[in-house]
Protein backbone atom coordinates (compact mmCIF):
# COMPACT_ATOMS: atom_id res chain seq x y z
CA GLU A 1 109.93 20.42 82.00
CA LEU A 2 112.91 22.34 83.29
CA LEU A 3 112.55 24.12 86.59
CA PRO A 4 114.17 27.52 87.09
CA ARG A 5 117.63 27.98 88.47
CA PHE A 6 117.67 29.97 91.66
CA GLY A 7 121.38 30.67 91.65
CA VAL A 8 122.44 34.21 90.97
CA SER A 9 126.10 34.80 90.23
CA GLY A 10 127.73 36.61 93.14
CA ASN A 11 125.02 35.81 95.69
CA ASP A 12 125.97 34.35 99.04
CA ALA A 13 123.87 31.82 101.00
CA ALA A 14 121.77 34.50 102.74
CA GLU A 15 120.92 36.22 99.44
CA THR A 16 120.11 32.88 97.81
CA LYS A 17 117.84 31.94 100.72
CA ALA A 18 115.98 35.26 100.42
CA TYR A 19 115.61 34.79 96.66
CA ILE A 20 114.27 31.24 97.09
CA ASP A 21 111.90 32.34 99.87
CA ALA A 22 110.48 35.04 97.58
CA ASN A 23 110.14 32.91 94.44
CA LEU A 24 109.73 29.21 95.25
CA SER A 25 105.96 29.33 95.71
CA SER A 26 105.49 30.50 92.10
CA VAL A 27 107.34 27.50 90.62
CA ASN A 28 105.21 24.82 88.99
CA GLY A 29 106.28 21.30 88.18
CA THR A 30 107.95 18.51 90.08
CA ALA A 31 111.64 18.30 90.86
CA LYS A 32 113.35 14.91 90.79
CA TYR A 33 116.58 16.31 92.18
CA ILE A 34 118.03 19.58 93.44
CA THR A 35 121.71 20.50 93.33
CA ILE A 36 122.92 23.08 95.82
CA ASN A 37 126.33 24.62 95.27
CA LEU A 38 126.89 27.42 97.79
CA GLY A 39 129.78 28.67 99.85
CA ALA A 40 132.26 30.24 97.44
CA ASN A 41 130.74 33.70 97.73
CA ASP A 42 130.42 33.37 101.49
CA VAL A 43 134.19 33.46 101.95
CA GLU A 44 134.56 36.82 100.20
CA GLY A 45 134.25 40.16 101.97
CA THR A 46 132.45 40.05 105.30
CA LEU A 47 132.37 36.47 106.46
CA PRO A 48 129.13 35.13 107.89
CA THR A 49 129.43 33.04 111.00
CA GLU A 50 129.46 29.30 110.49
CA VAL A 51 126.17 29.12 112.39
CA ALA A 52 124.52 31.69 110.07
CA PHE A 53 125.79 29.94 106.93
CA LYS A 54 124.55 26.55 108.14
CA ALA A 55 121.18 28.04 109.13
CA ASN A 56 120.73 29.54 105.64
CA LEU A 57 121.76 26.30 103.94
CA THR A 58 119.45 24.25 106.17
CA SER A 59 116.55 26.62 105.47
CA ILE A 60 117.11 26.29 101.71
CA ILE A 61 117.12 22.50 101.95
CA ASP A 62 114.00 22.53 104.15
CA SER A 63 112.19 24.82 101.68
CA VAL A 64 112.83 22.66 98.62
CA ARG A 65 112.06 19.47 100.55
CA ALA A 66 108.76 20.97 101.73
CA LYS A 67 107.80 21.76 98.12
CA TRP A 68 109.11 18.49 96.66
CA PRO A 69 109.31 15.88 99.46
CA ALA A 70 110.38 13.05 97.14
CA CYS A 71 113.22 14.90 95.41
CA LEU A 72 116.85 14.06 96.00
CA VAL A 73 118.92 16.95 97.34
CA TYR A 74 122.61 17.03 96.48
CA VAL A 75 124.86 19.52 98.27
CA ALA A 76 128.25 20.20 96.66
CA ASN A 77 131.41 20.57 98.69
CA PHE A 78 132.28 24.17 99.44
CA TRP A 79 135.16 25.59 97.44
CA LYS A 80 136.93 28.81 96.65
CA ARG A 81 138.77 29.54 93.44
CA SER A 82 142.48 29.82 94.11
CA GLU A 83 143.95 33.25 93.60
């Protein structure tokens, strides 16, 4: 069973956190692993503070670990496409 993807193209960490907070409880099934790849959209436009970004990322990790305590959580390195 495939679980939904919570990533939305163009969303930053705060928007992704809000989306996960609103939708995670409706997801059924068991996750074996979660891949989190955030950060690229956080360097565009108005920059969030490092503290705010880390708080959003930590909240996302805490939320998925609360739902699936045995899953592995992989966090990708932050990157930005070169111009």
